[in-house]
Amino acid sequence: MVGKDKGHHPKLEALFPIADGIAQTFGKNAEVVVHDLRQPEKSLIYMAGNITGRKLGAPITNLVLETLKKNGDQAPNLIGYQTTTKDGKILKSSTIFIRDDDGKIIGCLCINLDITELITCQKILEYYTRTEKPNEPTTQEEFFNDVNDAMAGIVQGVLADYPVPVQLMEKDDKLIIVKKLDEKGVFLVRGAVEYVANVLGVSRYTVYNYLDEVRSTPLNTIT
């Protein structure tokens, strides 16, 4: 808590501990203030944290005045707008209007978060994550721990995309699987033939025969 004036509407005074809680939650980069809008020229009656350099008795902001002028007691809450202080801090702010039992606006709770450092970090992240051709689709590249992991990942990926489970596959289905795996370069890896044979439930010689067949068959006849 930075400070408070005394003798204000009970609904406004009830906001003081709430302001403290919000400010303590967000730490040194937060300022939460309560305004008594019945005296806009010296409306600031409570401060928890201080990033705008104001003091108790400061007037309400131009934005709140304009909102009240335009909307009166029907003024909507202003949530998550960006502002800049005189000393260059970038703030994310929200203003919540408080009404009495008759629905008349009597004050507001204002939350100001200094996001200057976060904006700087955001720009750094954007710089280092920007690619030369951002409109191109992302390339799906998987990173494996070892060759067995690699084979298993590729084979299981192909099988997962195929509509027929291994247990129900006929020869033509297995030819298609071998063709897809061959296109992905699986059989360039030592031990791949034995691994695929085991997965498909055939002998390694059968896989070699499948490879000979798919490599000698026009691509448009095996889909």
Foldseek 3Di string as FASTA:
>chain_A
DQAFDDDDDPVQVVCQVVQQVVDVVQDQQKKKFKFFVVCQCQTTGHIHHDDQPDDHRHGDDPVVVVQCVVQPLNRQKAAQDWDAHPVGFIWGKTKAFDADPVSGTGIIMMMIGRCRVVVVVVVVVCVVPDDPCVPDDDDDDDDDDDLVRVLVVVLVVLQVPDPDHLVPDDPLRLLLSLLVCVVVVQVVDPPNLVVSCVRNVHDSVVSVVSVVVCVPDPVVVRD
